[in-house]
Amino acid sequence: MGRILVVDDEELAREAIERALTRAGHLVDTAGSEKEAIQKIRETPVPYDLVITDMVMEREDSGLEVLKEALLRDVLTEVIVLTAYGSVANAVESLRRGAFDYVEKNIPGVDVYELLTLKAERAMEHRVESLSLLRRWNRLLSQTPAEPAPNEQ
């Protein structure tokens, strides 16, 4: 179970995603705009584990702004970018900027809500793996004797 923020300016899509993820056992918060999402990301006491955001809302790159804010708040927050207007360029740019995945809303023959639930599970697993690696790294660093300063040699 994770804390997820779903961002989409289409109310029906936002609510359907929220229902699917809630049924899967996640705690889901929603935002209907880039501005609302950024405010929630900045003000939540504990960073979200996952943010699922539409690419095109108020602006063509609203999703990229939400992605940026989520990663500025917590670099280990996973972000999935959704779009109804899929393009290779958008997908590449989202992934280049740190998105965990990029999903088209209108894939013929695919239940996008089921797909998102599966991708959310994988994103949560990835976050847990990243946190575990970071903890091991921190333990390793705390066990390593400090290097002497150059003037102490």
Protein backbone atom coordinates (compact mmCIF):
# COMPACT_ATOMS: atom_id res chain seq x y z
CA MET A 1 0.00 0.00 0.00
CA GLY A 2 1.30 3.41 -0.91
CA ARG A 3 0.38 7.07 -0.93
CA ILE A 4 -0.53 8.12 -4.45
CA LEU A 5 -1.45 11.48 -5.97
CA VAL A 6 -3.56 11.25 -9.14
CA VAL A 7 -3.53 14.41 -11.26
CA ASP A 8 -5.90 14.81 -14.20
CA ASP A 9 -8.10 17.68 -15.36
CA GLU A 10 -10.70 15.19 -16.62
CA GLU A 11 -12.86 14.45 -13.58
CA LEU A 12 -14.19 11.09 -14.83
CA ALA A 13 -10.68 9.79 -15.61
CA ARG A 14 -9.33 11.05 -12.27
CA GLU A 15 -12.16 9.37 -10.33
CA ALA A 16 -11.84 6.09 -12.25
CA ILE A 17 -8.09 5.93 -11.57
CA GLU A 18 -8.71 6.79 -7.91
CA ARG A 19 -11.27 3.96 -7.60
CA ALA A 20 -8.99 1.38 -9.25
CA LEU A 21 -6.03 2.27 -7.04
CA THR A 22 -8.14 2.44 -3.87
CA ARG A 23 -9.51 -1.06 -4.64
CA ALA A 24 -5.89 -2.20 -4.91
CA GLY A 25 -5.32 -0.98 -1.34
CA HIS A 26 -3.60 2.36 -1.91
CA LEU A 27 -4.28 5.68 -0.19
CA VAL A 28 -5.18 8.00 -3.04
CA ASP A 29 -5.30 11.79 -3.13
CA THR A 30 -6.39 13.68 -6.25
CA ALA A 31 -5.80 17.01 -7.95
CA GLY A 32 -7.64 18.48 -10.92
CA SER A 33 -4.92 20.81 -12.16
CA GLU A 34 -1.18 21.38 -12.33
CA LYS A 35 -1.46 24.19 -9.76
CA GLU A 36 -3.45 22.07 -7.30
CA ALA A 37 -1.03 19.15 -7.71
CA ILE A 38 2.02 21.31 -7.07
CA GLN A 39 0.39 22.78 -3.97
CA LYS A 40 -0.41 19.30 -2.62
CA ILE A 41 3.09 18.02 -3.39
CA ARG A 42 4.68 20.97 -1.56
CA GLU A 43 2.32 20.96 1.43
CA THR A 44 1.88 17.27 2.23
CA PRO A 45 3.72 16.40 5.46
CA VAL A 46 5.08 13.16 3.96
CA PRO A 47 6.03 12.99 0.25
CA TYR A 48 3.87 10.84 -2.01
CA ASP A 49 5.24 7.44 -2.97
CA LEU A 50 3.81 7.77 -6.47
CA VAL A 51 2.38 10.57 -8.57
CA ILE A 52 0.30 9.71 -11.63
CA THR A 53 -0.17 12.81 -13.76
CA ASP A 54 -1.79 13.68 -17.04
CA MET A 55 0.64 15.31 -19.47
CA VAL A 56 -1.65 17.93 -21.01
CA MET A 57 -3.84 19.96 -18.66
CA GLU A 58 -3.67 23.76 -18.52
CA ARG A 59 -0.58 23.67 -20.70
CA GLU A 60 1.06 21.20 -23.08
CA ASP A 61 3.76 20.42 -20.49
CA SER A 62 1.73 20.51 -17.26
CA GLY A 63 2.68 16.89 -16.56
CA LEU A 64 6.38 17.71 -16.84
CA GLU A 65 5.96 20.50 -14.28
CA VAL A 66 4.20 18.12 -11.88
CA LEU A 67 7.01 15.60 -12.47
CA LYS A 68 9.63 18.24 -11.67
CA GLU A 69 7.92 19.32 -8.45
CA ALA A 70 7.44 15.73 -7.27
CA LEU A 71 11.12 14.94 -7.77
CA LEU A 72 12.23 18.20 -6.17
CA ARG A 73 10.21 17.27 -3.09
CA ASP A 74 11.53 13.69 -2.95
CA VAL A 75 13.87 12.30 -5.58
CA LEU A 76 12.60 8.79 -4.81
CA THR A 77 8.96 9.60 -5.59
CA GLU A 78 7.96 7.60 -8.64
CA VAL A 79 6.01 9.41 -11.37
CA ILE A 80 3.88 7.92 -14.12
CA VAL A 81 2.90 10.31 -16.90
CA LEU A 82 -0.42 9.73 -18.67
CA THR A 83 -1.51 11.11 -21.98
CA ALA A 84 -4.37 10.92 -24.42
CA TYR A 85 -2.07 12.49 -27.02
CA GLY A 86 0.79 10.00 -27.09
CA SER A 87 3.95 10.79 -28.94
CA VAL A 88 7.40 9.28 -28.87
CA ALA A 89 8.90 12.71 -28.17
CA ASN A 90 6.70 13.19 -25.08
CA ALA A 91 7.50 9.72 -23.80
CA VAL A 92 11.24 10.21 -24.26
CA GLU A 93 11.16 13.63 -22.60
CA SER A 94 9.18 12.33 -19.62
CA LEU A 95 11.55 9.43 -19.07
CA ARG A 96 14.60 11.65 -19.60
CA ARG A 97 13.35 13.93 -16.83
CA GLY A 98 12.94 11.06 -14.41
CA ALA A 99 9.48 9.57 -14.90
CA PHE A 100 9.14 5.92 -13.92
CA ASP A 101 6.83 5.25 -16.86
CA TYR A 102 4.67 6.82 -19.56
CA VAL A 103 1.19 5.47 -20.38
CA GLU A 104 -1.21 6.30 -23.18
CA LYS A 105 -4.82 6.49 -22.00
CA ASN A 106 -6.31 5.23 -25.24
CA ILE A 107 -4.66 1.91 -26.05
CA PRO A 108 -7.07 -0.21 -28.11
CA GLY A 109 -8.06 -3.43 -26.34
CA VAL A 110 -6.33 -2.51 -23.06
CA ASP A 111 -8.01 -1.69 -19.75
CA VAL A 112 -5.91 1.35 -18.89
CA TYR A 113 -7.07 1.30 -15.25
CA GLU A 114 -5.89 -2.27 -14.79
CA LEU A 115 -2.64 -1.37 -16.56
CA LEU A 116 -2.15 1.62 -14.25
CA THR A 117 -2.78 -0.55 -11.20
CA LEU A 118 -0.08 -2.97 -12.37
CA LYS A 119 2.34 -0.14 -13.15
CA ALA A 120 1.61 1.46 -9.76
CA GLU A 121 2.51 -1.83 -8.05
CA ARG A 122 5.77 -2.00 -10.00
CA ALA A 123 6.54 1.65 -9.18
CA MET A 124 5.98 0.93 -5.47
CA GLU A 125 8.32 -2.05 -5.67
CA HIS A 126 10.94 0.12 -7.38
CA ARG A 127 10.62 2.78 -4.66
CA VAL A 128 11.07 0.16 -1.92
CA GLU A 129 14.16 -1.20 -3.71
CA SER A 130 15.60 2.32 -4.05
CA LEU A 131 14.97 3.12 -0.38
CA SER A 132 16.56 -0.17 0.65
CA LEU A 133 19.62 0.55 -1.46
CA LEU A 134 19.90 4.03 0.02
CA ARG A 135 19.67 2.65 3.57
CA ARG A 136 22.38 0.06 2.84
CA TRP A 137 24.56 2.77 1.35
CA ASN A 138 24.08 4.98 4.42
CA ARG A 139 24.96 2.09 6.76
CA LEU A 140 28.06 1.38 4.72
CA LEU A 141 29.14 5.02 4.85
CA SER A 142 28.57 5.21 8.60
CA GLN A 143 30.80 2.14 9.12
CA THR A 144 33.69 3.41 6.99
CA PRO A 145 36.39 5.23 8.96
CA ALA A 146 36.72 8.86 7.99
CA GLU A 147 39.56 9.74 5.65
CA PRO A 148 42.24 11.90 7.29
CA ALA A 149 42.29 15.48 6.10
CA PRO A 150 45.23 16.29 3.77
CA ASN A 151 46.96 18.42 6.44
CA GLU A 152 46.71 15.55 9.00
CA GLN A 153 48.97 13.19 7.07
